[in-house]
Amino acid sequence: PRPNNFMDYTDDSTDNNTDRLAEWMRRTQPKDRTLRVTTMPAAQSALDPRVHRLYWDYQTTIHGDPHPLKQEQQQAVESSLSVLPHEYKTMLETEYADHPQFQRLVACFTSFWEFLVDSPLQEESSVHQHYEIGGVLVAVGVVDVLPTGLSSVYFFYVPEFRMASFGKFGILSEIEYTTLRQKNYYYLGYYIESCPKMRYKGEYKGSQV
C-alpha cells in the first residue's frame, strides 16, 4: 500500500538523498509530510500554472532543456496563442503578459500542452494525477484510461527527488489506481532494452512485451 508519509518511503535512501529531501523541506516548508494524490482531467490540470512550471523544472534538470523562465537571453521565436483554447490563453496572459520572453513562454507552454494535455481521447480518459506534500505540488503523473487498462504516458517531479526513486513510487501508485478503476492491464509504454532510461520497465514482473 502507498505510505501516507512520503519520507517513510525514503528511509533507506543514502545520506545524500536524505540531504536533498531535507533541504527541499526547509525551503518549501510544507504544512505537513502527508502525501496526497488527486486525479483530474488533463485539461483542468493544465490550467494550474504550477503544473507547467514543474514540468519545465524537471525537463531542465533531468533532460537538460533550456528553462523558459531562467534564461535571460534566448533566441527570438515566433509564437501564436491561436492554437490554444481560450482558457489557456487567459491563464498565460494573466501569469506572463509583462514577461520580456512572453512569446518564448507561449511556445514552451504550447509544446507542453501538445505533448501532455491535448488528446484524441475523451476528457475523462486523459488524466493528470497531482502528488502533493502538505499542499505543495511535487509530481504529476500523466495517464490515459483505456477500456482494458491504464496507460502511463509521462511522470515528472521536483528535481530534488531525483535520487529518491520517485518515478518508481509513481508506477506503484498508478498500479494501485489501475486496480481501483477495475482495469486488467497497466501499460508502461515502449520498451527498448538498449536504452538505459527505459530499463526500469523491465524490473516489473508478470509483464508482457
N, C-alpha and C. Protein backbone atom coordinates (compact mmCIF):
# COMPACT_ATOMS: atom_id res chain seq x y z
N PRO A 1 0.83 -1.20 0.00
CA PRO A 1 0.00 0.00 0.00
C PRO A 1 0.86 1.26 0.00
N ARG A 2 0.35 2.37 -0.55
CA ARG A 2 1.08 3.61 -0.61
C ARG A 2 1.23 4.20 0.78
N PRO A 3 2.46 4.56 1.22
CA PRO A 3 2.61 5.19 2.52
C PRO A 3 2.02 6.60 2.48
N ASN A 4 1.38 7.02 3.59
CA ASN A 4 0.84 8.37 3.64
C ASN A 4 1.93 9.40 3.77
N ASN A 5 3.05 9.03 4.38
CA ASN A 5 4.17 9.93 4.56
C ASN A 5 5.26 9.55 3.56
N PHE A 6 5.50 10.40 2.56
CA PHE A 6 6.47 10.06 1.52
C PHE A 6 7.86 9.87 2.10
N MET A 7 8.19 10.59 3.16
CA MET A 7 9.51 10.45 3.75
C MET A 7 9.72 9.06 4.31
N ASP A 8 8.62 8.37 4.73
CA ASP A 8 8.74 6.99 5.19
C ASP A 8 9.25 6.09 4.07
N TYR A 9 8.86 6.40 2.84
CA TYR A 9 9.24 5.60 1.69
C TYR A 9 10.73 5.72 1.39
N THR A 10 11.36 6.81 1.84
CA THR A 10 12.76 7.07 1.50
C THR A 10 13.69 6.87 2.69
N ASP A 11 13.24 6.14 3.72
CA ASP A 11 14.07 5.95 4.90
C ASP A 11 15.37 5.22 4.58
N ASP A 12 15.37 4.38 3.53
CA ASP A 12 16.57 3.62 3.20
C ASP A 12 17.42 4.33 2.15
N SER A 13 17.16 5.60 1.89
CA SER A 13 17.94 6.34 0.91
C SER A 13 19.31 6.68 1.48
N THR A 14 20.22 7.09 0.59
CA THR A 14 21.56 7.46 1.02
C THR A 14 21.52 8.79 1.76
N ASP A 15 22.64 9.09 2.45
CA ASP A 15 22.71 10.37 3.16
C ASP A 15 22.53 11.54 2.20
N ASN A 16 23.09 11.42 0.99
CA ASN A 16 22.97 12.49 0.00
C ASN A 16 21.51 12.70 -0.38
N ASN A 17 20.79 11.60 -0.58
CA ASN A 17 19.37 11.72 -0.91
C ASN A 17 18.60 12.36 0.23
N THR A 18 18.90 11.94 1.46
CA THR A 18 18.23 12.49 2.62
C THR A 18 18.50 13.99 2.72
N ASP A 19 19.74 14.40 2.45
CA ASP A 19 20.08 15.82 2.47
C ASP A 19 19.27 16.60 1.45
N ARG A 20 19.09 16.04 0.26
CA ARG A 20 18.32 16.71 -0.78
C ARG A 20 16.88 16.93 -0.33
N LEU A 21 16.27 15.88 0.22
CA LEU A 21 14.89 15.97 0.66
C LEU A 21 14.75 16.92 1.85
N ALA A 22 15.73 16.86 2.77
CA ALA A 22 15.69 17.75 3.93
C ALA A 22 15.79 19.21 3.50
N GLU A 23 16.66 19.48 2.52
CA GLU A 23 16.80 20.84 2.01
C GLU A 23 15.51 21.31 1.34
N TRP A 24 14.88 20.41 0.59
CA TRP A 24 13.60 20.75 -0.03
C TRP A 24 12.56 21.07 1.03
N MET A 25 12.51 20.29 2.11
CA MET A 25 11.57 20.54 3.19
C MET A 25 11.82 21.89 3.85
N ARG A 26 13.09 22.23 4.06
CA ARG A 26 13.41 23.52 4.69
C ARG A 26 13.01 24.68 3.79
N ARG A 27 13.22 24.51 2.49
CA ARG A 27 12.96 25.61 1.56
C ARG A 27 11.46 25.83 1.33
N THR A 28 10.72 24.75 1.16
CA THR A 28 9.30 24.88 0.81
C THR A 28 8.39 24.94 2.03
N GLN A 29 8.84 24.36 3.14
CA GLN A 29 8.07 24.35 4.38
C GLN A 29 6.62 23.91 4.17
N PRO A 30 6.41 22.69 3.69
CA PRO A 30 5.04 22.20 3.53
C PRO A 30 4.34 22.11 4.88
N LYS A 31 3.03 22.22 4.85
CA LYS A 31 2.24 22.22 6.09
C LYS A 31 2.40 20.92 6.86
N ASP A 32 2.58 19.82 6.17
CA ASP A 32 2.83 18.53 6.80
C ASP A 32 3.53 17.64 5.78
N ARG A 33 3.79 16.40 6.14
CA ARG A 33 4.50 15.49 5.25
C ARG A 33 3.58 14.44 4.64
N THR A 34 2.31 14.67 4.72
CA THR A 34 1.35 13.72 4.18
C THR A 34 1.28 13.85 2.66
N LEU A 35 1.41 12.72 1.98
CA LEU A 35 1.31 12.69 0.52
C LEU A 35 -0.12 12.44 0.11
N ARG A 36 -0.64 13.30 -0.73
CA ARG A 36 -1.99 13.14 -1.26
C ARG A 36 -1.94 13.13 -2.78
N VAL A 37 -2.74 12.26 -3.37
CA VAL A 37 -2.80 12.15 -4.83
C VAL A 37 -4.21 12.48 -5.27
N THR A 38 -4.32 13.46 -6.17
CA THR A 38 -5.61 13.90 -6.68
C THR A 38 -5.65 13.70 -8.19
N THR A 39 -6.68 13.02 -8.68
CA THR A 39 -6.82 12.75 -10.11
C THR A 39 -7.84 13.69 -10.71
N MET A 40 -7.48 14.27 -11.87
CA MET A 40 -8.37 15.21 -12.55
C MET A 40 -8.12 15.16 -14.04
N PRO A 41 -9.06 15.66 -14.86
CA PRO A 41 -8.83 15.71 -16.30
C PRO A 41 -7.59 16.54 -16.62
N ALA A 42 -6.84 16.10 -17.63
CA ALA A 42 -5.63 16.82 -18.03
C ALA A 42 -5.93 18.27 -18.39
N ALA A 43 -7.07 18.49 -19.03
CA ALA A 43 -7.44 19.85 -19.44
C ALA A 43 -7.61 20.76 -18.24
N GLN A 44 -8.12 20.24 -17.15
CA GLN A 44 -8.27 21.02 -15.92
C GLN A 44 -6.92 21.24 -15.25
N SER A 45 -6.12 20.18 -15.18
CA SER A 45 -4.81 20.26 -14.54
C SER A 45 -3.92 21.33 -15.17
N ALA A 46 -3.95 21.43 -16.49
CA ALA A 46 -3.05 22.33 -17.20
C ALA A 46 -3.38 23.80 -16.96
N LEU A 47 -4.52 24.09 -16.36
CA LEU A 47 -4.87 25.47 -16.02
C LEU A 47 -4.17 25.92 -14.74
N ASP A 48 -3.56 24.99 -14.02
CA ASP A 48 -2.81 25.29 -12.80
C ASP A 48 -1.37 25.61 -13.22
N PRO A 49 -0.91 26.86 -13.07
CA PRO A 49 0.45 27.21 -13.52
C PRO A 49 1.55 26.38 -12.86
N ARG A 50 1.29 25.83 -11.69
CA ARG A 50 2.31 25.01 -11.02
C ARG A 50 2.70 23.81 -11.86
N VAL A 51 1.76 23.33 -12.67
CA VAL A 51 2.00 22.10 -13.42
C VAL A 51 3.05 22.31 -14.51
N HIS A 52 2.86 23.33 -15.36
CA HIS A 52 3.85 23.51 -16.42
C HIS A 52 5.18 24.03 -15.88
N ARG A 53 5.15 24.76 -14.76
CA ARG A 53 6.41 25.20 -14.17
C ARG A 53 7.20 24.01 -13.61
N LEU A 54 6.49 23.08 -12.99
CA LEU A 54 7.16 21.87 -12.51
C LEU A 54 7.71 21.07 -13.68
N TYR A 55 6.95 20.98 -14.77
CA TYR A 55 7.40 20.29 -15.98
C TYR A 55 8.67 20.94 -16.52
N TRP A 56 8.71 22.27 -16.58
CA TRP A 56 9.90 22.97 -17.06
C TRP A 56 11.10 22.71 -16.15
N ASP A 57 10.88 22.74 -14.83
CA ASP A 57 11.98 22.45 -13.90
C ASP A 57 12.53 21.05 -14.12
N TYR A 58 11.63 20.09 -14.28
CA TYR A 58 12.02 18.70 -14.48
C TYR A 58 12.80 18.53 -15.79
N GLN A 59 12.27 19.08 -16.87
CA GLN A 59 12.92 18.92 -18.17
C GLN A 59 14.30 19.57 -18.18
N THR A 60 14.44 20.69 -17.48
CA THR A 60 15.73 21.37 -17.44
C THR A 60 16.76 20.57 -16.65
N THR A 61 16.38 20.10 -15.47
CA THR A 61 17.32 19.41 -14.60
C THR A 61 17.61 17.99 -15.06
N ILE A 62 16.58 17.26 -15.45
CA ILE A 62 16.75 15.85 -15.80
C ILE A 62 17.20 15.66 -17.24
N HIS A 63 16.69 16.48 -18.15
CA HIS A 63 16.97 16.27 -19.58
C HIS A 63 17.77 17.40 -20.23
N GLY A 64 18.10 18.44 -19.47
CA GLY A 64 18.97 19.48 -19.99
C GLY A 64 18.32 20.47 -20.93
N ASP A 65 16.99 20.55 -20.94
CA ASP A 65 16.31 21.53 -21.80
C ASP A 65 16.50 22.93 -21.24
N PRO A 66 16.52 23.96 -22.09
CA PRO A 66 16.57 25.34 -21.59
C PRO A 66 15.31 25.65 -20.78
N HIS A 67 15.49 26.40 -19.70
CA HIS A 67 14.34 26.76 -18.86
C HIS A 67 13.77 28.09 -19.33
N PRO A 68 12.51 28.12 -19.74
CA PRO A 68 11.91 29.34 -20.28
C PRO A 68 11.96 30.54 -19.34
N LEU A 69 11.93 30.30 -18.03
CA LEU A 69 11.87 31.40 -17.06
C LEU A 69 13.23 31.81 -16.52
N LYS A 70 14.29 31.09 -16.88
CA LYS A 70 15.58 31.33 -16.24
C LYS A 70 16.68 31.79 -17.17
N GLN A 71 16.44 31.77 -18.47
CA GLN A 71 17.46 32.23 -19.41
C GLN A 71 17.19 33.68 -19.77
N GLU A 72 18.18 34.54 -19.50
CA GLU A 72 18.00 35.97 -19.74
C GLU A 72 17.94 36.30 -21.23
N GLN A 73 18.79 35.66 -22.01
CA GLN A 73 18.81 35.92 -23.44
C GLN A 73 18.56 34.61 -24.19
N GLN A 74 17.53 34.64 -24.99
CA GLN A 74 17.19 33.46 -25.76
C GLN A 74 16.90 33.88 -27.19
N GLN A 75 17.08 32.95 -28.09
CA GLN A 75 16.80 33.23 -29.48
C GLN A 75 15.33 33.59 -29.66
N ALA A 76 15.08 34.61 -30.43
CA ALA A 76 13.70 35.04 -30.66
C ALA A 76 12.91 33.95 -31.35
N VAL A 77 11.66 33.83 -30.97
CA VAL A 77 10.78 32.84 -31.58
C VAL A 77 9.47 33.50 -31.96
N GLU A 78 8.84 32.94 -32.95
CA GLU A 78 7.51 33.39 -33.31
C GLU A 78 6.50 32.41 -32.71
N SER A 79 5.54 32.95 -32.02
CA SER A 79 4.56 32.10 -31.39
C SER A 79 3.20 32.76 -31.48
N SER A 80 2.20 31.95 -31.44
CA SER A 80 0.84 32.47 -31.51
C SER A 80 -0.02 31.76 -30.49
N LEU A 81 -0.90 32.53 -29.86
CA LEU A 81 -1.83 31.95 -28.91
C LEU A 81 -3.00 31.28 -29.60
N SER A 82 -3.06 31.41 -30.93
CA SER A 82 -4.26 30.98 -31.65
C SER A 82 -4.49 29.48 -31.57
N VAL A 83 -3.43 28.69 -31.36
CA VAL A 83 -3.60 27.24 -31.35
C VAL A 83 -4.15 26.75 -30.01
N LEU A 84 -4.14 27.59 -28.99
CA LEU A 84 -4.56 27.18 -27.67
C LEU A 84 -6.02 27.54 -27.41
N PRO A 85 -6.75 26.70 -26.70
CA PRO A 85 -8.11 27.05 -26.28
C PRO A 85 -8.10 28.32 -25.44
N HIS A 86 -9.22 28.99 -25.40
CA HIS A 86 -9.32 30.31 -24.77
C HIS A 86 -8.86 30.30 -23.32
N GLU A 87 -9.21 29.28 -22.56
CA GLU A 87 -8.90 29.29 -21.13
C GLU A 87 -7.39 29.27 -20.87
N TYR A 88 -6.61 28.66 -21.77
CA TYR A 88 -5.16 28.64 -21.60
C TYR A 88 -4.55 29.98 -22.01
N LYS A 89 -5.11 30.60 -23.02
CA LYS A 89 -4.65 31.95 -23.39
C LYS A 89 -4.82 32.89 -22.21
N THR A 90 -5.97 32.84 -21.58
CA THR A 90 -6.24 33.71 -20.43
C THR A 90 -5.26 33.45 -19.30
N MET A 91 -4.99 32.17 -19.02
CA MET A 91 -4.06 31.83 -17.96
C MET A 91 -2.66 32.36 -18.25
N LEU A 92 -2.18 32.18 -19.47
CA LEU A 92 -0.85 32.64 -19.83
C LEU A 92 -0.73 34.16 -19.78
N GLU A 93 -1.75 34.84 -20.25
CA GLU A 93 -1.72 36.30 -20.23
C GLU A 93 -1.76 36.82 -18.80
N THR A 94 -2.49 36.14 -17.94
CA THR A 94 -2.56 36.54 -16.53
C THR A 94 -1.21 36.33 -15.84
N GLU A 95 -0.56 35.23 -16.14
CA GLU A 95 0.69 34.89 -15.48
C GLU A 95 1.91 35.63 -16.05
N TYR A 96 1.94 35.83 -17.38
CA TYR A 96 3.19 36.22 -18.02
C TYR A 96 3.10 37.40 -18.98
N ALA A 97 1.99 38.12 -19.02
CA ALA A 97 1.82 39.17 -20.04
C ALA A 97 2.96 40.19 -20.03
N ASP A 98 3.52 40.50 -18.86
CA ASP A 98 4.58 41.51 -18.77
C ASP A 98 5.98 40.90 -18.83
N HIS A 99 6.07 39.62 -19.03
CA HIS A 99 7.39 38.97 -19.07
C HIS A 99 8.08 39.28 -20.40
N PRO A 100 9.37 39.67 -20.37
CA PRO A 100 10.07 40.03 -21.62
C PRO A 100 10.18 38.88 -22.62
N GLN A 101 10.07 37.63 -22.13
CA GLN A 101 10.14 36.47 -23.01
C GLN A 101 8.76 35.84 -23.19
N PHE A 102 7.73 36.66 -23.26
CA PHE A 102 6.36 36.14 -23.31
C PHE A 102 6.15 35.18 -24.48
N GLN A 103 6.63 35.54 -25.66
CA GLN A 103 6.44 34.66 -26.83
C GLN A 103 7.15 33.32 -26.64
N ARG A 104 8.31 33.35 -26.01
CA ARG A 104 9.03 32.12 -25.72
C ARG A 104 8.23 31.25 -24.75
N LEU A 105 7.65 31.87 -23.74
CA LEU A 105 6.86 31.13 -22.76
C LEU A 105 5.63 30.50 -23.41
N VAL A 106 5.00 31.25 -24.30
CA VAL A 106 3.83 30.72 -25.01
C VAL A 106 4.23 29.50 -25.84
N ALA A 107 5.36 29.60 -26.54
CA ALA A 107 5.83 28.49 -27.37
C ALA A 107 6.13 27.26 -26.52
N CYS A 108 6.77 27.47 -25.36
CA CYS A 108 7.11 26.35 -24.49
C CYS A 108 5.86 25.74 -23.86
N PHE A 109 4.91 26.59 -23.47
CA PHE A 109 3.68 26.04 -22.91
C PHE A 109 2.91 25.26 -23.98
N THR A 110 2.91 25.77 -25.21
CA THR A 110 2.21 25.07 -26.29
C THR A 110 2.80 23.69 -26.51
N SER A 111 4.13 23.58 -26.45
CA SER A 111 4.78 22.27 -26.59
C SER A 111 4.34 21.33 -25.47
N PHE A 112 4.30 21.86 -24.24
CA PHE A 112 3.83 21.07 -23.10
C PHE A 112 2.39 20.64 -23.31
N TRP A 113 1.54 21.56 -23.75
CA TRP A 113 0.11 21.28 -23.94
C TRP A 113 -0.09 20.21 -25.02
N GLU A 114 0.65 20.33 -26.13
CA GLU A 114 0.51 19.35 -27.21
C GLU A 114 1.01 17.97 -26.79
N PHE A 115 2.02 17.93 -25.93
CA PHE A 115 2.62 16.67 -25.51
C PHE A 115 1.80 15.96 -24.43
N LEU A 116 1.31 16.70 -23.43
CA LEU A 116 0.75 16.05 -22.25
C LEU A 116 -0.67 16.46 -21.90
N VAL A 117 -1.29 17.29 -22.74
CA VAL A 117 -2.65 17.72 -22.43
C VAL A 117 -3.61 17.41 -23.58
N ASP A 118 -3.31 17.93 -24.75
CA ASP A 118 -4.17 17.71 -25.90
C ASP A 118 -4.21 16.23 -26.24
N SER A 119 -5.39 15.69 -26.40
CA SER A 119 -5.53 14.25 -26.60
C SER A 119 -6.77 13.94 -27.43
N PRO A 120 -6.70 12.90 -28.27
CA PRO A 120 -7.91 12.49 -29.01
C PRO A 120 -8.91 11.75 -28.13
N LEU A 121 -8.50 11.41 -26.91
CA LEU A 121 -9.40 10.70 -26.01
C LEU A 121 -10.42 11.66 -25.42
N GLN A 122 -11.50 11.10 -24.91
CA GLN A 122 -12.48 11.91 -24.21
C GLN A 122 -11.83 12.50 -22.96
N GLU A 123 -12.36 13.64 -22.52
CA GLU A 123 -11.72 14.38 -21.44
C GLU A 123 -11.50 13.54 -20.19
N GLU A 124 -12.48 12.72 -19.82
CA GLU A 124 -12.36 11.94 -18.60
C GLU A 124 -11.36 10.79 -18.72
N SER A 125 -10.90 10.51 -19.95
CA SER A 125 -9.97 9.40 -20.17
C SER A 125 -8.52 9.83 -20.20
N SER A 126 -8.27 11.13 -20.32
CA SER A 126 -6.91 11.66 -20.29
C SER A 126 -6.76 12.46 -19.01
N VAL A 127 -6.01 11.90 -18.05
CA VAL A 127 -6.00 12.50 -16.72
C VAL A 127 -4.58 12.79 -16.24
N HIS A 128 -4.51 13.74 -15.31
CA HIS A 128 -3.28 14.04 -14.59
C HIS A 128 -3.51 13.68 -13.12
N GLN A 129 -2.50 13.13 -12.50
CA GLN A 129 -2.55 12.85 -11.07
C GLN A 129 -1.56 13.77 -10.37
N HIS A 130 -2.08 14.63 -9.49
CA HIS A 130 -1.25 15.57 -8.74
C HIS A 130 -0.81 14.94 -7.43
N TYR A 131 0.49 14.87 -7.21
CA TYR A 131 1.06 14.40 -5.96
C TYR A 131 1.46 15.63 -5.15
N GLU A 132 0.88 15.78 -3.99
CA GLU A 132 1.16 16.95 -3.16
C GLU A 132 1.59 16.52 -1.77
N ILE A 133 2.59 17.20 -1.24
CA ILE A 133 3.03 17.02 0.14
C ILE A 133 2.75 18.32 0.88
N GLY A 134 1.83 18.25 1.82
CA GLY A 134 1.48 19.45 2.56
C GLY A 134 1.00 20.58 1.69
N GLY A 135 0.29 20.25 0.62
CA GLY A 135 -0.24 21.27 -0.28
C GLY A 135 0.73 21.76 -1.34
N VAL A 136 1.96 21.24 -1.34
CA VAL A 136 2.97 21.62 -2.33
C VAL A 136 3.01 20.58 -3.43
N LEU A 137 2.86 20.99 -4.67
CA LEU A 137 2.89 20.05 -5.80
C LEU A 137 4.30 19.54 -5.99
N VAL A 138 4.47 18.21 -5.92
CA VAL A 138 5.81 17.62 -6.03
C VAL A 138 5.95 16.71 -7.25
N ALA A 139 4.84 16.29 -7.85
CA ALA A 139 4.92 15.41 -9.01
C ALA A 139 3.57 15.41 -9.73
N VAL A 140 3.64 15.06 -11.02
CA VAL A 140 2.43 14.90 -11.83
C VAL A 140 2.59 13.65 -12.67
N GLY A 141 1.60 12.76 -12.57
CA GLY A 141 1.57 11.58 -13.43
C GLY A 141 0.53 11.77 -14.51
N VAL A 142 0.92 11.53 -15.76
CA VAL A 142 0.02 11.69 -16.90
C VAL A 142 -0.37 10.31 -17.37
N VAL A 143 -1.66 10.00 -17.33
CA VAL A 143 -2.11 8.66 -17.70
C VAL A 143 -3.34 8.73 -18.59
N ASP A 144 -3.48 7.72 -19.43
CA ASP A 144 -4.68 7.55 -20.25
C ASP A 144 -5.46 6.36 -19.72
N VAL A 145 -6.74 6.57 -19.49
CA VAL A 145 -7.60 5.49 -19.03
C VAL A 145 -8.26 4.85 -20.25
N LEU A 146 -7.86 3.62 -20.54
CA LEU A 146 -8.31 2.91 -21.73
C LEU A 146 -9.36 1.86 -21.34
N PRO A 147 -10.06 1.31 -22.31
CA PRO A 147 -11.12 0.34 -21.98
C PRO A 147 -10.64 -0.85 -21.15
N THR A 148 -9.42 -1.34 -21.43
CA THR A 148 -8.93 -2.53 -20.72
C THR A 148 -7.83 -2.25 -19.71
N GLY A 149 -7.34 -1.03 -19.67
CA GLY A 149 -6.23 -0.78 -18.78
C GLY A 149 -5.88 0.68 -18.64
N LEU A 150 -4.80 0.91 -17.91
CA LEU A 150 -4.28 2.26 -17.69
C LEU A 150 -2.94 2.36 -18.41
N SER A 151 -2.76 3.41 -19.20
CA SER A 151 -1.53 3.62 -19.94
C SER A 151 -0.75 4.79 -19.34
N SER A 152 0.45 4.52 -18.87
CA SER A 152 1.30 5.57 -18.30
C SER A 152 1.97 6.35 -19.42
N VAL A 153 1.72 7.65 -19.48
CA VAL A 153 2.24 8.49 -20.55
C VAL A 153 3.54 9.17 -20.14
N TYR A 154 3.53 9.81 -18.97
CA TYR A 154 4.72 10.56 -18.53
C TYR A 154 4.60 10.81 -17.04
N PHE A 155 5.74 11.02 -16.39
CA PHE A 155 5.76 11.31 -14.97
C PHE A 155 6.89 12.30 -14.72
N PHE A 156 6.56 13.43 -14.13
CA PHE A 156 7.60 14.42 -13.81
C PHE A 156 7.43 14.90 -12.38
N TYR A 157 8.55 15.31 -11.79
CA TYR A 157 8.54 15.58 -10.35
C TYR A 157 9.58 16.63 -9.98
N VAL A 158 9.54 17.07 -8.73
CA VAL A 158 10.52 18.03 -8.22
C VAL A 158 11.93 17.44 -8.39
N PRO A 159 12.83 18.13 -9.08
CA PRO A 159 14.15 17.55 -9.36
C PRO A 159 14.92 17.10 -8.12
N GLU A 160 14.68 17.74 -6.97
CA GLU A 160 15.38 17.35 -5.75
C GLU A 160 15.08 15.92 -5.35
N PHE A 161 13.98 15.36 -5.86
CA PHE A 161 13.60 13.99 -5.52
C PHE A 161 14.17 12.98 -6.53
N ARG A 162 15.09 13.41 -7.35
CA ARG A 162 15.58 12.55 -8.42
C ARG A 162 16.16 11.24 -7.90
N MET A 163 16.90 11.30 -6.80
CA MET A 163 17.57 10.11 -6.30
C MET A 163 16.72 9.32 -5.32
N ALA A 164 15.47 9.72 -5.14
CA ALA A 164 14.60 9.05 -4.17
C ALA A 164 13.67 8.03 -4.82
N SER A 165 13.93 7.69 -6.08
CA SER A 165 13.11 6.71 -6.80
C SER A 165 11.64 7.13 -6.86
N PHE A 166 11.41 8.42 -7.03
CA PHE A 166 10.03 8.90 -7.06
C PHE A 166 9.29 8.36 -8.29
N GLY A 167 10.02 8.15 -9.39
CA GLY A 167 9.38 7.59 -10.58
C GLY A 167 8.82 6.20 -10.32
N LYS A 168 9.58 5.39 -9.58
CA LYS A 168 9.10 4.05 -9.23
C LYS A 168 7.91 4.14 -8.28
N PHE A 169 7.98 5.09 -7.38
CA PHE A 169 6.85 5.29 -6.48
C PHE A 169 5.59 5.64 -7.29
N GLY A 170 5.78 6.46 -8.34
CA GLY A 170 4.66 6.82 -9.20
C GLY A 170 4.07 5.61 -9.91
N ILE A 171 4.92 4.69 -10.35
CA ILE A 171 4.44 3.47 -11.01
C ILE A 171 3.59 2.65 -10.04
N LEU A 172 4.07 2.48 -8.83
CA LEU A 172 3.30 1.72 -7.83
C LEU A 172 1.96 2.38 -7.55
N SER A 173 1.96 3.70 -7.51
CA SER A 173 0.71 4.43 -7.30
C SER A 173 -0.24 4.23 -8.46
N GLU A 174 0.29 4.25 -9.69
CA GLU A 174 -0.56 4.06 -10.86
C GLU A 174 -1.08 2.63 -10.96
N ILE A 175 -0.28 1.67 -10.52
CA ILE A 175 -0.77 0.28 -10.48
C ILE A 175 -1.94 0.17 -9.50
N GLU A 176 -1.81 0.85 -8.37
CA GLU A 176 -2.90 0.86 -7.41
C GLU A 176 -4.15 1.50 -8.02
N TYR A 177 -3.95 2.59 -8.76
CA TYR A 177 -5.08 3.28 -9.40
C TYR A 177 -5.72 2.38 -10.46
N THR A 178 -4.91 1.60 -11.17
CA THR A 178 -5.42 0.65 -12.15
C THR A 178 -6.37 -0.34 -11.48
N THR A 179 -5.98 -0.81 -10.31
CA THR A 179 -6.83 -1.74 -9.55
C THR A 179 -8.12 -1.07 -9.11
N LEU A 180 -8.01 0.18 -8.64
CA LEU A 180 -9.20 0.90 -8.19
C LEU A 180 -10.19 1.13 -9.32
N ARG A 181 -9.66 1.32 -10.54
CA ARG A 181 -10.53 1.51 -11.70
C ARG A 181 -11.02 0.19 -12.29
N GLN A 182 -10.62 -0.91 -11.65
CA GLN A 182 -11.02 -2.25 -12.06
C GLN A 182 -10.60 -2.55 -13.51
N LYS A 183 -9.36 -2.18 -13.82
CA LYS A 183 -8.79 -2.47 -15.13
C LYS A 183 -7.86 -3.67 -15.03
N ASN A 184 -7.72 -4.38 -16.12
CA ASN A 184 -6.92 -5.61 -16.12
C ASN A 184 -5.44 -5.39 -16.38
N TYR A 185 -5.10 -4.29 -17.07
CA TYR A 185 -3.71 -4.10 -17.51
C TYR A 185 -3.20 -2.71 -17.17
N TYR A 186 -1.89 -2.67 -16.94
CA TYR A 186 -1.18 -1.40 -16.74
C TYR A 186 -0.07 -1.35 -17.78
N TYR A 187 -0.09 -0.35 -18.63
CA TYR A 187 0.86 -0.24 -19.73
C TYR A 187 1.95 0.77 -19.39
N LEU A 188 3.21 0.32 -19.52
CA LEU A 188 4.34 1.22 -19.28
C LEU A 188 4.86 1.84 -20.57
N GLY A 189 4.26 1.52 -21.67
CA GLY A 189 4.67 2.12 -22.94
C GLY A 189 5.80 1.36 -23.61
N TYR A 190 6.46 2.06 -24.53
CA TYR A 190 7.53 1.43 -25.31
C TYR A 190 8.66 0.94 -24.40
N TYR A 191 9.26 -0.19 -24.79
CA TYR A 191 10.40 -0.72 -24.05
C TYR A 191 11.51 -1.02 -25.04
N ILE A 192 12.63 -0.31 -24.89
CA ILE A 192 13.81 -0.54 -25.72
C ILE A 192 14.93 -0.96 -24.79
N GLU A 193 15.31 -2.22 -24.83
CA GLU A 193 16.24 -2.78 -23.86
C GLU A 193 17.59 -2.07 -23.89
N SER A 194 18.01 -1.60 -25.06
CA SER A 194 19.31 -0.96 -25.18
C SER A 194 19.31 0.48 -24.69
N CYS A 195 18.13 1.02 -24.35
CA CYS A 195 18.03 2.39 -23.88
C CYS A 195 18.07 2.39 -22.34
N PRO A 196 19.14 2.96 -21.75
CA PRO A 196 19.27 2.93 -20.28
C PRO A 196 18.07 3.54 -19.55
N LYS A 197 17.49 4.60 -20.12
CA LYS A 197 16.39 5.28 -19.45
C LYS A 197 15.11 4.45 -19.44
N MET A 198 15.07 3.37 -20.23
CA MET A 198 13.86 2.54 -20.28
C MET A 198 14.03 1.21 -19.55
N ARG A 199 15.21 0.94 -19.05
CA ARG A 199 15.46 -0.38 -18.45
C ARG A 199 14.64 -0.62 -17.20
N TYR A 200 14.24 0.45 -16.53
CA TYR A 200 13.45 0.27 -15.31
C TYR A 200 12.15 -0.47 -15.59
N LYS A 201 11.64 -0.38 -16.83
CA LYS A 201 10.38 -1.04 -17.16
C LYS A 201 10.48 -2.55 -17.09
N GLY A 202 11.70 -3.07 -17.24
CA GLY A 202 11.90 -4.50 -17.18
C GLY A 202 11.97 -5.04 -15.76
N GLU A 203 11.92 -4.15 -14.78
CA GLU A 203 12.03 -4.57 -13.39
C GLU A 203 10.70 -5.05 -12.81
N TYR A 204 9.63 -4.86 -13.56
CA TYR A 204 8.30 -5.22 -13.03
C TYR A 204 7.86 -6.55 -13.63
N LYS A 205 7.61 -7.50 -12.75
CA LYS A 205 7.35 -8.87 -13.18
C LYS A 205 5.87 -9.11 -13.43
N GLY A 206 5.64 -10.22 -14.13
CA GLY A 206 4.29 -10.51 -14.58
C GLY A 206 3.94 -9.68 -15.79
N SER A 207 4.98 -9.28 -16.53
CA SER A 207 4.79 -8.36 -17.66
C SER A 207 4.79 -9.12 -18.97
N GLN A 208 4.25 -8.47 -20.00
CA GLN A 208 4.25 -8.98 -21.36
C GLN A 208 4.85 -7.93 -22.28
N VAL A 209 5.66 -8.36 -23.23
CA VAL A 209 6.29 -7.44 -24.18
C VAL A 209 5.75 -7.73 -25.57
